[in-house]
């Protein structure tokens, strides 16, 4: 059974804002007893031919891998909610279920409103196209009309601080530069839910601070819900109101940021 706490108070160091959504605030994400099961081939094959021969002979055997095992939590509108855990614990899988990229094997996940996902760098981009062309491409995938992109195009490149590189193919960009473009497009308007998976860990510290300030503005509006996954516990402590700790697919603890992060930091002690 995961540890929980009903006393959701102010965070300690790095407090972002003095209040967090009350328990009766609107639930924007409802994860109810979610499990994610992958079937992995139990033996390796040297070629596709060997694989299909084994498949035809019904000799192909799989072993079950539970990436997530009965996870439950709710996220309120206007809340900054963090997911922490060691590598391979299922955090990114959980975000992909919330974003609609994956469908849970068991349980349910309901989401209200529009989602701006920053889950994988380069997702929704064509690396052969220029940055300018990718702004329109990625914006359309996020549901923005061309007229809207036209209106906010200069704001996007100003925030990304890449004015001199707009006509350069994205394949020549560094990962940090791609992150700048992706973040700028996703936050040019106020989505109902902003999903951030390690994107802020890429790039220079000045732009990371700029992104944090932008997220703070979105959350302070009380309209945008932020879901954050990061291996930087300091970042989670600065940004989040509550945290869910997932370890090896299981929910270890759910509660106020300071309590959960302190328990997580003591994991290896």
Protein backbone atom coordinates (compact mmCIF):
# COMPACT_ATOMS: atom_id res chain seq x y z
CA UNK A 1 0.00 0.00 0.00
CA UNK A 2 1.38 3.45 -0.90
CA UNK A 3 1.88 6.01 1.81
CA UNK A 4 -0.52 8.96 1.55
CA UNK A 5 -1.15 12.23 3.30
CA UNK A 6 -4.28 14.36 3.49
CA UNK A 7 -2.40 17.35 4.88
CA UNK A 8 -1.53 19.16 1.67
CA UNK A 9 0.08 22.36 2.92
CA UNK A 10 2.71 24.76 1.76
CA UNK A 11 5.94 23.47 0.37
CA UNK A 12 9.19 24.16 2.15
CA UNK A 13 12.22 25.57 0.38
CA UNK A 14 11.65 26.83 -3.12
CA UNK A 15 7.95 27.55 -2.52
CA UNK A 16 6.42 28.56 -5.80
CA UNK A 17 3.14 29.94 -4.55
CA UNK A 18 1.40 30.16 -1.17
CA UNK A 19 -1.72 28.16 -2.03
CA UNK A 20 -2.56 24.96 -3.88
CA UNK A 21 -5.92 23.73 -5.17
CA UNK A 22 -8.30 22.57 -2.48
CA UNK A 23 -9.54 19.02 -2.24
CA UNK A 24 -12.89 20.02 -3.76
CA UNK A 25 -11.28 21.72 -6.78
CA UNK A 26 -12.09 20.29 -10.20
CA UNK A 27 -10.28 17.05 -11.00
CA UNK A 28 -8.54 17.42 -14.36
CA UNK A 29 -6.69 14.06 -14.41
CA UNK A 30 -8.12 10.94 -12.78
CA UNK A 31 -5.86 7.88 -12.79
CA UNK A 32 -7.84 4.96 -11.38
CA UNK A 33 -6.10 1.64 -10.66
CA UNK A 34 -3.99 1.83 -13.83
CA UNK A 35 -1.68 -1.01 -14.84
CA UNK A 36 0.44 -1.28 -17.99
CA UNK A 37 1.57 -4.71 -19.14
CA UNK A 38 4.04 -5.38 -21.95
CA UNK A 39 4.66 -8.83 -23.43
CA UNK A 40 8.35 -9.40 -24.09
CA UNK A 41 9.72 -12.29 -26.16
CA UNK A 42 11.41 -14.72 -23.79
CA UNK A 43 14.14 -15.60 -26.29
CA UNK A 44 16.23 -13.70 -28.82
CA UNK A 45 16.17 -14.28 -32.56
CA UNK A 46 18.97 -13.54 -35.00
CA UNK A 47 16.65 -12.59 -37.86
CA UNK A 48 13.05 -11.81 -38.70
CA UNK A 49 12.92 -15.15 -40.53
CA UNK A 50 13.64 -17.04 -37.30
CA UNK A 51 11.02 -14.94 -35.50
CA UNK A 52 8.26 -15.66 -38.01
CA UNK A 53 9.14 -19.36 -38.18
CA UNK A 54 8.77 -19.58 -34.40
CA UNK A 55 5.53 -17.59 -34.63
CA UNK A 56 4.11 -19.91 -37.32
CA UNK A 57 5.01 -22.98 -35.27
CA UNK A 58 3.42 -21.46 -32.16
CA UNK A 59 6.80 -21.73 -30.47
CA UNK A 60 7.01 -18.03 -29.64
CA UNK A 61 6.87 -17.50 -25.88
CA UNK A 62 6.44 -14.23 -24.04
CA UNK A 63 6.99 -13.09 -20.50
CA UNK A 64 4.87 -10.44 -18.88
CA UNK A 65 6.44 -7.16 -17.77
CA UNK A 66 4.36 -4.84 -15.59
CA UNK A 67 5.61 -1.31 -16.22
CA UNK A 68 2.83 0.03 -13.98
CA UNK A 69 1.04 -1.93 -11.27
CA UNK A 70 -2.26 -0.51 -9.94
CA UNK A 71 -1.48 3.21 -9.86
CA UNK A 72 -4.12 5.69 -8.64
CA UNK A 73 -4.05 9.46 -8.15
CA UNK A 74 -5.99 12.59 -9.03
CA UNK A 75 -4.65 15.94 -10.20
CA UNK A 76 -6.63 19.14 -9.68
CA UNK A 77 -6.98 22.04 -12.08
CA UNK A 78 -4.23 24.60 -11.54
CA UNK A 79 -1.97 22.14 -9.70
CA UNK A 80 1.69 21.41 -10.36
CA UNK A 81 2.00 17.65 -9.88
CA UNK A 82 5.28 15.73 -9.95
CA UNK A 83 6.19 12.12 -10.66
CA UNK A 84 9.47 10.82 -9.22
CA UNK A 85 11.22 7.47 -9.18
CA UNK A 86 14.41 5.76 -10.26
CA UNK A 87 15.13 4.92 -13.93
CA UNK A 88 12.70 2.40 -15.40
CA UNK A 89 10.09 2.87 -12.69
CA UNK A 90 7.28 3.71 -15.11
CA UNK A 91 7.05 7.51 -14.81
CA UNK A 92 7.26 8.23 -18.53
CA UNK A 93 4.86 5.37 -19.25
CA UNK A 94 2.36 6.99 -16.90
CA UNK A 95 2.70 10.32 -18.67
CA UNK A 96 2.18 8.65 -22.07
CA UNK A 97 -1.05 7.07 -20.81
CA UNK A 98 -2.25 10.47 -19.59
CA UNK A 99 -1.26 12.06 -22.91
CA UNK A 100 -3.16 9.38 -24.83
CA UNK A 101 -0.05 7.93 -26.49
CA UNK A 102 -0.57 4.59 -24.73
CA UNK A 103 -3.74 2.86 -23.56
CA UNK A 104 -3.66 1.31 -20.11
CA UNK A 105 -3.85 -2.49 -19.94
CA UNK A 106 -6.01 -2.29 -16.81
CA UNK A 107 -7.85 0.47 -14.99
CA UNK A 108 -8.84 3.84 -16.43
CA UNK A 109 -7.37 7.30 -17.00
CA UNK A 110 -9.71 10.22 -17.69
CA UNK A 111 -8.45 13.65 -18.72
CA UNK A 112 -10.35 16.92 -19.14
CA UNK A 113 -9.21 19.58 -21.58
CA UNK A 114 -6.38 20.13 -24.02
CA UNK A 115 -2.92 18.67 -23.51
CA UNK A 116 0.44 20.12 -24.57
CA UNK A 117 2.89 17.21 -24.20
CA UNK A 118 6.65 17.72 -23.95
CA UNK A 119 7.47 14.04 -23.56
CA UNK A 120 10.08 13.16 -26.17
CA UNK A 121 12.39 15.65 -27.87
CA UNK A 122 11.73 15.69 -31.59
CA UNK A 123 8.26 14.16 -31.32
CA UNK A 124 6.03 15.94 -33.82
CA UNK A 125 8.99 17.38 -35.72
CA UNK A 126 10.44 16.59 -39.15
CA UNK A 127 14.20 16.89 -38.81
CA UNK A 128 14.61 17.53 -42.54
CA UNK A 129 12.45 20.66 -42.37
CA UNK A 130 13.59 24.07 -41.13
CA UNK A 131 12.75 25.33 -37.66
CA UNK A 132 10.24 27.75 -39.19
CA UNK A 133 8.47 24.95 -41.04
CA UNK A 134 8.48 22.79 -37.91
CA UNK A 135 6.81 25.52 -35.88
CA UNK A 136 3.81 25.31 -38.22
CA UNK A 137 3.94 21.49 -38.36
CA UNK A 138 4.16 20.98 -34.60
CA UNK A 139 1.64 23.73 -33.94
CA UNK A 140 -0.90 22.03 -36.21
CA UNK A 141 -0.38 18.73 -34.34
CA UNK A 142 -1.16 20.58 -31.10
CA UNK A 143 -4.38 21.88 -32.67
CA UNK A 144 -3.28 25.44 -33.42
CA UNK A 145 -4.70 27.02 -36.57
CA UNK A 146 -2.26 28.54 -39.09
CA UNK A 147 -3.67 31.99 -38.39
CA UNK A 148 -2.90 31.52 -34.70
CA UNK A 149 0.70 30.51 -35.48
CA UNK A 150 1.03 33.50 -37.81
CA UNK A 151 -0.12 35.79 -35.02
CA UNK A 152 2.22 34.31 -32.41
CA UNK A 153 5.15 33.30 -34.62
CA UNK A 154 7.40 36.13 -33.46
CA UNK A 155 6.55 35.41 -29.82
CA UNK A 156 7.60 31.78 -30.32
CA UNK A 157 11.00 32.58 -31.81
CA UNK A 158 11.59 35.41 -29.32
CA UNK A 159 11.03 33.04 -26.40
CA UNK A 160 13.21 30.36 -27.98
CA UNK A 161 15.93 32.97 -28.67
CA UNK A 162 16.77 31.31 -31.99
CA UNK A 163 16.01 34.13 -34.43
CA UNK A 164 19.18 33.49 -36.45
CA UNK A 165 18.48 29.78 -36.94
CA UNK A 166 14.90 29.75 -38.26
CA UNK A 167 15.92 28.70 -41.78
CA UNK A 168 18.24 25.92 -40.61
CA UNK A 169 17.06 22.28 -40.86
CA UNK A 170 16.21 20.90 -37.44
CA UNK A 171 18.62 17.99 -37.98
CA UNK A 172 21.44 20.51 -37.48
CA UNK A 173 20.03 21.67 -34.14
CA UNK A 174 21.41 20.51 -30.81
CA UNK A 175 19.01 18.74 -28.43
CA UNK A 176 18.90 21.92 -26.35
CA UNK A 177 17.85 23.99 -29.36
CA UNK A 178 15.10 21.49 -30.23
CA UNK A 179 13.88 21.71 -26.63
CA UNK A 180 13.70 25.50 -26.92
CA UNK A 181 11.49 25.29 -30.00
CA UNK A 182 9.27 22.56 -28.52
CA UNK A 183 8.75 24.40 -25.23
CA UNK A 184 8.07 27.71 -26.95
CA UNK A 185 5.36 26.19 -29.18
CA UNK A 186 3.71 24.22 -26.38
CA UNK A 187 3.43 27.21 -24.03
CA UNK A 188 2.57 29.98 -26.45
CA UNK A 189 -1.01 29.65 -25.25
CA UNK A 190 -2.48 28.24 -22.06
CA UNK A 191 -3.23 24.51 -22.46
CA UNK A 192 -5.38 22.85 -19.83
CA UNK A 193 -2.56 20.40 -19.11
CA UNK A 194 1.17 20.83 -19.74
CA UNK A 195 3.14 17.57 -19.57
CA UNK A 196 6.89 17.97 -19.12
CA UNK A 197 9.19 14.92 -19.11
CA UNK A 198 12.83 15.85 -18.47
CA UNK A 199 12.66 18.54 -21.18
CA UNK A 200 13.89 21.20 -18.75
CA UNK A 201 17.06 19.21 -18.08
CA UNK A 202 18.23 19.86 -21.65
CA UNK A 203 19.96 23.10 -22.56
CA UNK A 204 21.70 25.85 -20.65
CA UNK A 205 20.72 26.87 -17.16
CA UNK A 206 19.56 30.34 -18.22
CA UNK A 207 16.91 28.89 -20.53
CA UNK A 208 15.93 26.34 -17.87
CA UNK A 209 15.25 29.23 -15.50
CA UNK A 210 13.25 30.98 -18.22
CA UNK A 211 11.14 27.84 -18.71
CA UNK A 212 10.56 27.56 -14.97
CA UNK A 213 9.33 31.15 -14.87
CA UNK A 214 6.97 30.45 -17.76
CA UNK A 215 5.57 27.35 -16.02
CA UNK A 216 5.12 29.42 -12.86
CA UNK A 217 3.11 31.97 -14.83
CA UNK A 218 0.91 29.22 -16.27
CA UNK A 219 0.28 27.61 -12.89
CA UNK A 220 -0.33 30.97 -11.19
CA UNK A 221 -3.11 31.60 -13.69
CA UNK A 222 -4.99 28.76 -11.91
CA UNK A 223 -6.09 27.45 -15.29
CA UNK A 224 -3.11 25.32 -16.32
CA UNK A 225 -2.29 21.98 -14.71
CA UNK A 226 1.35 20.89 -14.93
CA UNK A 227 2.57 17.29 -14.80
CA UNK A 228 6.33 17.13 -14.32
CA UNK A 229 8.77 14.22 -14.44
CA UNK A 230 12.37 14.99 -13.55
CA UNK A 231 15.37 13.32 -11.98
CA UNK A 232 16.22 16.68 -10.46
CA UNK A 233 14.56 16.51 -7.05
CA UNK A 234 15.48 20.17 -6.51
CA UNK A 235 13.42 21.10 -9.57
CA UNK A 236 10.46 19.02 -8.37
CA UNK A 237 10.69 20.66 -4.95
CA UNK A 238 10.67 24.11 -6.52
CA UNK A 239 7.86 23.49 -8.97
CA UNK A 240 5.37 21.00 -7.56
CA UNK A 241 2.51 21.13 -5.07
CA UNK A 242 2.15 17.37 -4.68
CA UNK A 243 4.21 14.38 -5.80
CA UNK A 244 3.58 10.71 -6.59
CA UNK A 245 6.56 8.40 -6.12
CA UNK A 246 6.50 5.38 -8.42
CA UNK A 247 9.14 2.70 -7.89
CA UNK A 248 9.48 -0.37 -10.11
CA UNK A 249 5.97 0.18 -11.38
CA UNK A 250 4.39 0.40 -7.93
CA UNK A 251 3.04 3.46 -6.14
CA UNK A 252 5.28 4.01 -3.11
CA UNK A 253 4.01 7.34 -1.79
CA UNK A 254 1.58 10.13 -2.64
CA UNK A 255 1.39 13.46 -0.84
CA UNK A 256 2.89 16.93 -0.29
CA UNK A 257 6.11 17.60 -2.17
CA UNK A 258 8.41 18.04 0.83
CA UNK A 259 7.30 14.78 2.47
CA UNK A 260 7.50 12.62 -0.65
CA UNK A 261 10.80 14.09 -1.88
CA UNK A 262 12.40 13.65 1.53
CA UNK A 263 11.35 9.98 1.61
CA UNK A 264 12.59 9.50 -1.96
CA UNK A 265 15.98 11.07 -1.17
CA UNK A 266 16.36 8.62 1.73
CA UNK A 267 15.88 5.63 -0.61
CA UNK A 268 19.58 4.86 -0.92
CA UNK A 269 20.58 5.67 2.63
